[in-house]
């Protein structure tokens, strides 16, 4: 469960950065097909990269050991006046809150899709066009069908249907299904919804361009958009003929001078971003072997230490790590000299849980004072055995980082 939450966080960071690049560098261009492919590639990239496990060896500290895992262990606060305070209860509950959000978002999408399927079964079919009994001015496409209100005049209906057929021919609904999955997995990430909105905008630009290229009169087409926009609803996972949020930008794009082909060279600027994200979330430091292993032949593959595994290590069978917090709180003491000197702060201790659940190689990666650093290091070093992490059905070594905050007040 914790591993899934880590994946979602890393994936959301990738998506946010890539969406921001689109907004800054590509959004204003009229290269709509290029922008569409970029947005789709960004969603796929952000979904796949955190799942990769590219091992890098070297003498330098290329990557921070422990990755984002260190953020998931709840912080524990040690005070001289009482027992340890577990300040990370909310962090421990985050994976379950995340799962609840995924279920809620997924249910919303499934319910919306069920409404569309009901319309397909109950509506009046004219080939791939379904006439819906409605007083509103609704026209949208989904699941390779065009849905149009029976109240729309025939001459307007033909033009609206033509627009929606462009969405179907270009496969836009498949794009929206992918975007729907991304928003369900990243329901907490505003960039996921903004990415979907950007994709829908590009869809409309593409369809508008196709209609005008095939002979639609620009002025009357824009008038049709304006008259339709105030009476149109937007079903989930659908392309809608006219919406207020996109009206202004669609009209601007129709009259804007086409961006030159050299503008696509801006895509080269996205490569450093992609490489950076791969290094941050797919490349892992191979880690160091035990001291005795350093004498082994250089041709031997370094021992692998994971940052995220399919089944994360747990302490005393407690996936919320509350038991770990309780144990640390009962076994660490605020140093008397540190209290006397008024010394306080947060100490970050990195360690490895090996294949047998033992705590190995504890070290301070972010210290405050030698006294507090030693107190934190000592308590982690004597930590009892864990249940090891599992990857591919095999017990493996896994990095962890524990924050221990020493507070006088």
Foldseek 3Di string as FASTA:
>chain_A
DVLLVVLLVLLLVQLLVQLVCCVVQPLPALPLVVSLVSLLVSLVLSNCLLVAAAEDEDDDCLADPLACQQVQFFAWEAAQPDFIDGPRLVSLCVVVVLVVQLVVLVVLQVVLVVVVVVQVVPFDDDDLEGEDADCFQWWWDEPSHIYGYPNDDPVLVVLSVQLRNLCSVVVVLVVLVSLSNSCSSNVVRPSSVVSSVSSLLSSNLRSVVVSVVVPDDLVVLLVSQVVRAVRYDDGRSIRTSHHPVNSVVSNCSVPDDHDDPCSCVVVVVCVVVSVVSSSNNNYDHQDADPPVCPPDDPPDDRARAASRAPFAKAAPPDSSCPVVSNQLSVQFHDDPVCVVVVFWFKWKWKWKQALFQATPDIDTPDDGDPRVRVRVSVSSNPDDGINAGDHPNGGGMHMYMHMYTYDHD
